[in-house]
Amino acid sequence: MKTYFLQVKEVIQETEDAITIEFWHPLAEQIKYKAGQFITLIVPADNGKKVRRSYSMSSSPHTDTAVAVTVKRVPGGLVSNYLCDQVKKGDFIEVIEPMGNFYVEPNAENERHVVLIGAGSGITPLMSIAKSVLKMEPKSKVSLIYGNRTVESIIFWKKLMDMELADRKRFNVVHVLSQATDSWAGYRGRINQANIVVMLKELDIHFRSEKEEFYLCGPVGMMDEALGIFDVFDVPKSQIFKENFNAPMLDEELELPENESLQSREVTVKYMGDDYTFKVEPHQSILDAALELDIDLPYSCQAGMCTACLGKCVEGKIKMDEDDGLTQAEQEEGWVLTCVSHPLTDGVVLEIE
């Protein structure tokens, strides 16, 4: 994985608890990325170690000169609070190169309707996609359904308004507020199956058109609601794309095979000619356990999205919290993502290239 030390060009306050950090490109090269991808920021922690967190780029490679990520403060979040409170113009931040399979590659010949559905900070990659399609595909149009609590919490509120006013025929936004004031005239509540159908029909979505593509990013519950509607209307899976910001937490119920459970188990990881044998506790992923022991395995996003932590299980059985980053064929061959993997049996052996 390639890393850069990028200088902060500007810090923009988007909402009370969200900022956009713009970076200068390195002097010697232009960072190449696709609309919708993420980069990983590496920041110092209190214990002297470094912590990595992945953030989707809100900038577009087709419309913006700077690379930008938008960060929303998470209560108690080590990295988000550091970025929101301490990063300033002129600072340097270590960054891992762009990654991710959630993206669009615009083509001027395309004539499609790109439908974006997001909530909260899920707008980040969707903004990059919207700007890119509108700029590079003059025959395409973009619609956005965007959920938030209040008007004040809407990230890119003015930018979205300006984009819509610039070309209402090609860009439309439908806002949904869960804590709207009495003066709010738009949709209320959370994005769910009932109001998704109404909003999509309002946006002239036909569900069965080959020219419609759906991009989802936000809380798992919101995406599940949308996916349920797509199942009802038989929308081909090839036209649906989703980005999971976080892997499921371990306090959620895992669907484990009968007679198998998460226990403290010993695993062996073969990496760069060395064998590392260590215990993985039920609350840990294999990567978590390795990092706590200062075993420097490759990783980036820690959410099962980027495949930087890819390894092959050659002995034993493993359970992954999140497998969207791998194809079915890769999983059948034994490939796993260590950041979301837990040993189900003793004697698990992983090989990492």
Protein backbone atom coordinates (compact mmCIF):
# COMPACT_ATOMS: atom_id res chain seq x y z
CA MET A 1 0.00 0.00 0.00
CA LYS A 2 1.26 3.43 -0.92
CA THR A 3 1.25 6.17 1.70
CA TYR A 4 1.48 9.94 1.41
CA PHE A 5 2.10 12.81 3.81
CA LEU A 6 -0.50 15.31 2.64
CA GLN A 7 -0.67 18.95 3.69
CA VAL A 8 -4.04 20.33 4.76
CA LYS A 9 -5.17 22.99 2.30
CA GLU A 10 -8.31 24.03 4.19
CA VAL A 11 -10.62 22.94 7.00
CA ILE A 12 -14.27 23.77 6.30
CA GLN A 13 -16.94 23.66 9.02
CA GLU A 14 -19.93 21.97 7.36
CA THR A 15 -22.17 21.60 10.43
CA GLU A 16 -21.69 21.89 14.17
CA ASP A 17 -20.17 18.40 14.27
CA ALA A 18 -18.86 17.82 10.72
CA ILE A 19 -15.87 19.23 8.85
CA THR A 20 -14.38 18.85 5.40
CA ILE A 21 -10.59 18.55 5.24
CA GLU A 22 -9.09 19.51 1.88
CA PHE A 23 -5.59 18.28 1.02
CA TRP A 24 -3.02 19.53 -1.44
CA HIS A 25 -1.82 16.88 -3.87
CA PRO A 26 1.83 15.83 -3.41
CA LEU A 27 4.32 17.98 -5.33
CA ALA A 28 5.55 15.10 -7.46
CA GLU A 29 2.24 13.53 -8.51
CA GLN A 30 -1.54 13.74 -8.66
CA ILE A 31 -3.44 11.33 -6.41
CA LYS A 32 -5.69 9.24 -8.64
CA TYR A 33 -9.02 8.00 -7.33
CA LYS A 34 -12.53 7.11 -8.43
CA ALA A 35 -15.67 8.92 -7.31
CA GLY A 36 -16.96 7.10 -4.22
CA GLN A 37 -13.67 5.64 -2.98
CA PHE A 38 -12.07 6.29 0.42
CA ILE A 39 -8.66 7.08 1.84
CA THR A 40 -7.30 6.04 5.22
CA LEU A 41 -5.94 8.66 7.62
CA ILE A 42 -3.26 7.70 10.14
CA VAL A 43 -3.21 9.84 13.27
CA PRO A 44 -1.34 9.65 16.61
CA ALA A 45 -2.99 8.12 19.67
CA ASP A 46 -2.38 8.84 23.36
CA ASN A 47 -0.39 5.65 23.86
CA GLY A 48 2.23 6.68 21.29
CA LYS A 49 0.84 4.36 18.64
CA LYS A 50 -0.92 5.34 15.44
CA VAL A 51 -4.58 4.79 14.66
CA ARG A 52 -6.14 4.34 11.21
CA ARG A 53 -9.60 5.34 10.10
CA SER A 54 -11.05 5.32 6.59
CA TYR A 55 -13.10 8.21 5.24
CA SER A 56 -14.83 8.43 1.88
CA MET A 57 -13.77 11.33 -0.28
CA SER A 58 -16.42 13.98 -0.77
CA SER A 59 -14.38 15.57 -3.55
CA SER A 60 -14.71 14.53 -7.18
CA PRO A 61 -11.69 13.69 -9.34
CA HIS A 62 -13.55 15.39 -12.20
CA THR A 63 -14.59 18.68 -10.58
CA ASP A 64 -12.30 19.40 -7.61
CA THR A 65 -8.64 20.35 -7.53
CA ALA A 66 -8.13 19.19 -3.94
CA VAL A 67 -8.67 15.76 -2.40
CA ALA A 68 -11.19 16.13 0.41
CA VAL A 69 -12.74 13.99 3.12
CA THR A 70 -15.71 14.94 5.26
CA VAL A 71 -15.59 13.82 8.88
CA LYS A 72 -18.49 13.75 11.31
CA ARG A 73 -17.68 13.80 15.00
CA VAL A 74 -18.50 10.54 16.80
CA PRO A 75 -19.10 10.81 20.57
CA GLY A 76 -15.99 9.33 22.17
CA GLY A 77 -14.45 8.72 18.74
CA LEU A 78 -10.67 8.87 18.99
CA VAL A 79 -9.93 9.85 15.39
CA SER A 80 -13.00 11.92 14.51
CA ASN A 81 -12.56 14.09 17.60
CA TYR A 82 -8.86 14.53 16.89
CA LEU A 83 -9.58 15.61 13.33
CA CYS A 84 -12.43 17.93 14.28
CA ASP A 85 -10.62 19.55 17.21
CA GLN A 86 -6.94 19.66 16.30
CA VAL A 87 -6.34 19.56 12.55
CA LYS A 88 -5.74 22.95 10.97
CA LYS A 89 -4.59 24.46 7.69
CA GLY A 90 -0.93 23.69 7.00
CA ASP A 91 -0.80 20.45 9.04
CA PHE A 92 0.51 17.24 7.49
CA ILE A 93 -1.40 13.96 7.82
CA GLU A 94 -0.23 10.52 6.81
CA VAL A 95 -2.67 8.99 4.31
CA ILE A 96 -2.97 5.56 2.68
CA GLU A 97 -3.78 5.58 -1.04
CA PRO A 98 -7.42 5.53 -2.25
CA MET A 99 -9.25 2.20 -2.13
CA GLY A 100 -12.76 0.79 -2.25
CA ASN A 101 -15.16 -0.98 -4.58
CA PHE A 102 -18.01 1.54 -4.17
CA TYR A 103 -17.49 3.96 -7.02
CA VAL A 104 -18.63 5.15 -10.44
CA GLU A 105 -16.57 5.56 -13.58
CA PRO A 106 -18.37 8.18 -15.66
CA ASN A 107 -18.70 7.85 -19.41
CA ALA A 108 -19.92 10.71 -21.57
CA GLU A 109 -21.94 8.25 -23.66
CA ASN A 110 -24.01 7.07 -20.66
CA GLU A 111 -27.66 8.01 -20.42
CA ARG A 112 -28.81 6.80 -17.01
CA HIS A 113 -30.61 7.82 -13.85
CA VAL A 114 -28.27 7.53 -10.87
CA VAL A 115 -30.28 7.31 -7.65
CA LEU A 116 -28.41 8.01 -4.41
CA ILE A 117 -29.88 7.10 -1.02
CA GLY A 118 -28.03 8.12 2.13
CA ALA A 119 -28.29 9.37 5.69
CA GLY A 120 -26.00 11.44 7.89
CA SER A 121 -22.33 11.17 6.93
CA GLY A 122 -23.31 8.59 4.31
CA ILE A 123 -23.62 11.58 1.99
CA THR A 124 -19.83 11.74 1.65
CA PRO A 125 -19.21 9.27 -1.22
CA LEU A 126 -22.61 10.08 -2.70
CA MET A 127 -21.58 13.72 -3.08
CA SER A 128 -18.46 12.64 -4.97
CA ILE A 129 -20.55 10.42 -7.24
CA ALA A 130 -23.19 13.12 -7.85
CA LYS A 131 -20.65 15.78 -8.84
CA SER A 132 -18.81 13.35 -11.12
CA VAL A 133 -21.86 12.07 -13.01
CA LEU A 134 -23.35 15.55 -13.45
CA LYS A 135 -20.05 16.86 -14.81
CA MET A 136 -19.02 13.97 -17.05
CA GLU A 137 -22.34 12.53 -18.28
CA PRO A 138 -24.44 15.29 -19.89
CA LYS A 139 -27.22 12.84 -20.85
CA SER A 140 -27.56 11.37 -17.34
CA LYS A 141 -29.45 12.67 -14.33
CA VAL A 142 -28.95 12.22 -10.59
CA SER A 143 -31.47 12.04 -7.74
CA LEU A 144 -30.64 12.06 -4.04
CA ILE A 145 -32.75 10.93 -1.08
CA TYR A 146 -30.97 12.18 2.05
CA GLY A 147 -31.98 11.58 5.66
CA ASN A 148 -30.92 13.67 8.68
CA ARG A 149 -32.23 14.73 12.10
CA THR A 150 -32.62 18.48 11.55
CA VAL A 151 -31.91 21.09 8.89
CA GLU A 152 -28.86 22.19 10.91
CA SER A 153 -27.39 18.67 10.72
CA ILE A 154 -27.58 18.42 6.92
CA ILE A 155 -24.05 18.14 5.60
CA PHE A 156 -23.57 20.10 2.35
CA TRP A 157 -26.98 21.78 2.78
CA LYS A 158 -26.03 24.89 0.75
CA LYS A 159 -23.91 23.00 -1.77
CA LEU A 160 -26.76 20.61 -2.53
CA MET A 161 -29.15 23.52 -2.89
CA ASP A 162 -26.80 25.30 -5.29
CA MET A 163 -26.33 22.12 -7.35
CA GLU A 164 -30.08 21.65 -7.61
CA LEU A 165 -30.72 25.28 -8.58
CA ALA A 166 -28.03 25.06 -11.26
CA ASP A 167 -29.83 22.26 -13.13
CA ARG A 168 -33.19 21.07 -11.78
CA LYS A 169 -33.75 18.90 -14.85
CA ARG A 170 -30.72 16.77 -14.04
CA PHE A 171 -30.36 16.96 -10.26
CA ASN A 172 -33.04 16.60 -7.59
CA VAL A 173 -32.77 16.26 -3.82
CA VAL A 174 -35.41 14.94 -1.43
CA HIS A 175 -34.63 15.63 2.24
CA VAL A 176 -36.08 13.55 5.07
CA LEU A 177 -35.84 14.83 8.66
CA SER A 178 -36.45 12.67 11.73
CA GLN A 179 -36.62 15.63 14.16
CA ALA A 180 -38.13 18.30 11.95
CA THR A 181 -39.58 21.52 13.34
CA ASP A 182 -43.20 22.51 12.75
CA SER A 183 -42.12 24.78 9.90
CA TRP A 184 -40.56 21.92 7.91
CA ALA A 185 -42.62 21.24 4.77
CA GLY A 186 -40.74 18.18 3.55
CA TYR A 187 -40.73 14.48 4.47
CA ARG A 188 -40.57 13.55 8.14
CA GLY A 189 -39.34 10.50 10.00
CA ARG A 190 -36.63 8.04 9.03
CA ILE A 191 -36.02 6.59 5.59
CA ASN A 192 -38.08 3.40 5.48
CA GLN A 193 -39.79 1.16 2.95
CA ALA A 194 -43.05 3.08 2.97
CA ASN A 195 -41.62 6.51 2.26
CA ILE A 196 -38.88 5.21 -0.06
CA VAL A 197 -41.54 4.01 -2.49
CA VAL A 198 -43.32 7.37 -2.42
CA MET A 199 -40.11 9.36 -2.85
CA LEU A 200 -38.77 7.19 -5.65
CA LYS A 201 -42.02 7.49 -7.57
CA GLU A 202 -41.89 11.24 -7.05
CA LEU A 203 -38.45 11.15 -8.66
CA ASP A 204 -39.87 9.25 -11.65
CA ILE A 205 -38.22 5.93 -10.81
CA HIS A 206 -39.69 2.93 -12.65
CA PHE A 207 -37.68 0.24 -10.79
CA ARG A 208 -37.42 -2.05 -13.82
CA SER A 209 -35.52 0.28 -16.13
CA GLU A 210 -32.04 -0.88 -17.12
CA LYS A 211 -30.95 2.76 -17.05
CA GLU A 212 -31.59 3.14 -13.30
CA GLU A 213 -28.73 2.54 -10.87
CA PHE A 214 -29.01 2.75 -7.09
CA TYR A 215 -26.18 3.70 -4.72
CA LEU A 216 -26.75 3.34 -0.96
CA CYS A 217 -24.61 4.61 1.90
CA GLY A 218 -25.61 5.06 5.51
CA PRO A 219 -26.80 3.11 8.55
CA VAL A 220 -27.36 -0.61 8.01
CA GLY A 221 -31.04 -0.31 8.94
CA MET A 222 -31.66 2.34 6.30
CA MET A 223 -29.94 0.30 3.61
CA ASP A 224 -31.88 -2.82 4.59
CA GLU A 225 -35.14 -0.88 4.20
CA ALA A 226 -34.15 0.19 0.69
CA LEU A 227 -32.93 -3.26 -0.27
CA GLY A 228 -36.26 -4.70 0.84
CA ILE A 229 -38.07 -2.44 -1.63
CA PHE A 230 -35.69 -3.38 -4.43
CA ASP A 231 -36.44 -7.05 -3.74
CA VAL A 232 -40.18 -6.40 -3.98
CA PHE A 233 -39.77 -4.67 -7.34
CA ASP A 234 -37.22 -7.23 -8.61
CA VAL A 235 -34.50 -4.67 -9.24
CA PRO A 236 -31.48 -6.59 -10.61
CA LYS A 237 -28.63 -6.79 -8.11
CA SER A 238 -26.28 -5.62 -10.86
CA GLN A 239 -27.95 -2.20 -10.61
CA ILE A 240 -27.62 -1.89 -6.80
CA PHE A 241 -24.43 -0.76 -5.04
CA LYS A 242 -23.93 -0.20 -1.33
CA GLU A 243 -21.20 1.00 1.00
CA ASN A 244 -20.96 -0.27 4.57
CA PHE A 245 -19.22 2.31 6.76
CA ASN A 246 -18.83 -0.08 9.69
CA ALA A 247 -18.75 -3.81 10.17
CA PRO A 248 -21.38 -5.23 12.57
CA MET A 249 -20.50 -4.93 16.25
CA LEU A 250 -19.87 -8.09 18.20
CA ASP A 251 -22.71 -7.43 20.62
CA GLU A 252 -25.08 -8.06 17.75
CA GLU A 253 -26.25 -11.62 17.37
CA LEU A 254 -24.10 -13.53 14.90
CA GLU A 255 -25.67 -16.31 12.87
CA LEU A 256 -23.26 -19.05 13.81
CA PRO A 257 -23.50 -22.64 12.62
CA GLU A 258 -24.96 -25.07 15.14
CA ASN A 259 -22.49 -26.20 17.84
CA GLU A 260 -20.06 -23.42 16.92
CA SER A 261 -19.47 -20.27 18.96
CA LEU A 262 -16.98 -17.48 19.46
CA GLN A 263 -14.47 -18.53 22.11
CA SER A 264 -10.92 -17.69 23.02
CA ARG A 265 -8.97 -19.58 20.39
CA GLU A 266 -5.40 -19.77 19.17
CA VAL A 267 -4.58 -18.91 15.57
CA THR A 268 -1.40 -18.95 13.51
CA VAL A 269 -0.71 -16.30 10.89
CA LYS A 270 2.03 -16.83 8.31
CA TYR A 271 3.29 -13.49 7.02
CA MET A 272 6.52 -12.45 5.27
CA GLY A 273 8.34 -15.64 6.20
CA ASP A 274 7.39 -15.56 9.89
CA ASP A 275 4.80 -17.54 11.86
CA TYR A 276 2.83 -15.71 14.56
CA THR A 277 0.74 -17.76 16.98
CA PHE A 278 -1.57 -15.87 19.35
CA LYS A 279 -4.94 -16.01 21.08
CA VAL A 280 -8.01 -14.25 19.72
CA GLU A 281 -10.66 -13.38 22.33
CA PRO A 282 -14.41 -13.48 21.50
CA HIS A 283 -14.63 -9.68 21.36
CA GLN A 284 -11.68 -9.40 18.96
CA SER A 285 -11.13 -9.84 15.26
CA ILE A 286 -7.96 -11.66 14.23
CA LEU A 287 -6.48 -8.35 13.12
CA ASP A 288 -7.37 -6.67 16.43
CA ALA A 289 -5.61 -9.39 18.40
CA ALA A 290 -2.51 -9.18 16.19
CA LEU A 291 -2.28 -5.39 16.44
CA GLU A 292 -2.58 -5.50 20.24
CA LEU A 293 0.53 -7.68 20.22
CA ASP A 294 2.33 -5.25 17.87
CA ILE A 295 2.24 -7.77 15.02
CA ASP A 296 2.34 -5.47 12.01
CA LEU A 297 -0.12 -7.12 9.62
CA PRO A 298 -1.36 -5.21 6.56
CA TYR A 299 -4.68 -3.37 6.92
CA SER A 300 -6.42 -0.12 6.12
CA CYS A 301 -10.15 0.41 6.70
CA GLN A 302 -10.78 -2.16 9.50
CA ALA A 303 -14.37 -2.51 8.27
CA GLY A 304 -14.21 -5.26 5.66
CA MET A 305 -14.35 -2.86 2.72
CA CYS A 306 -10.90 -2.40 1.23
CA THR A 307 -9.43 -5.98 1.21
CA ALA A 308 -6.02 -4.65 2.31
CA CYS A 309 -6.01 -7.26 5.12
CA LEU A 310 -6.76 -10.17 2.79
CA GLY A 311 -5.54 -13.59 3.89
CA LYS A 312 -6.22 -17.22 3.06
CA CYS A 313 -7.52 -19.66 5.65
CA VAL A 314 -5.65 -22.91 4.99
CA GLU A 315 -6.66 -24.73 8.19
CA GLY A 316 -9.67 -24.46 10.52
CA LYS A 317 -12.85 -22.44 10.15
CA ILE A 318 -13.47 -18.69 10.30
CA LYS A 319 -16.56 -16.49 10.67
CA MET A 320 -16.61 -13.05 9.00
CA ASP A 321 -18.87 -10.26 10.27
CA GLU A 322 -18.93 -8.68 6.82
CA ASP A 323 -18.18 -10.37 3.49
CA ASP A 324 -19.26 -7.80 0.88
CA GLY A 325 -15.61 -7.09 0.11
CA LEU A 326 -15.10 -10.59 -1.31
CA THR A 327 -16.69 -12.44 -4.20
CA GLN A 328 -18.39 -15.78 -3.61
CA ALA A 329 -15.60 -17.50 -5.52
CA GLU A 330 -12.94 -15.91 -3.30
CA GLN A 331 -14.76 -17.02 -0.17
CA GLU A 332 -15.05 -20.59 -1.48
CA GLU A 333 -11.29 -20.57 -2.07
CA GLY A 334 -10.73 -19.70 1.60
CA TRP A 335 -9.94 -16.00 1.33
CA VAL A 336 -10.95 -13.91 4.35
CA LEU A 337 -10.59 -10.37 5.67
CA THR A 338 -8.72 -10.47 8.97
CA CYS A 339 -10.27 -7.20 10.23
CA VAL A 340 -13.73 -8.80 10.44
CA SER A 341 -12.75 -12.45 10.98
CA HIS A 342 -13.09 -14.61 14.09
CA PRO A 343 -11.82 -18.19 14.56
CA LEU A 344 -14.62 -20.74 14.96
CA THR A 345 -12.33 -23.70 15.59
CA ASP A 346 -8.95 -24.36 17.17
CA GLY A 347 -5.93 -24.62 14.91
CA VAL A 348 -6.85 -21.87 12.46
CA VAL A 349 -3.95 -21.08 10.12
CA LEU A 350 -3.91 -18.02 7.86
CA GLU A 351 -1.52 -17.20 5.07
CA ILE A 352 -1.08 -13.52 4.20
CA GLU A 353 0.84 -12.58 1.08
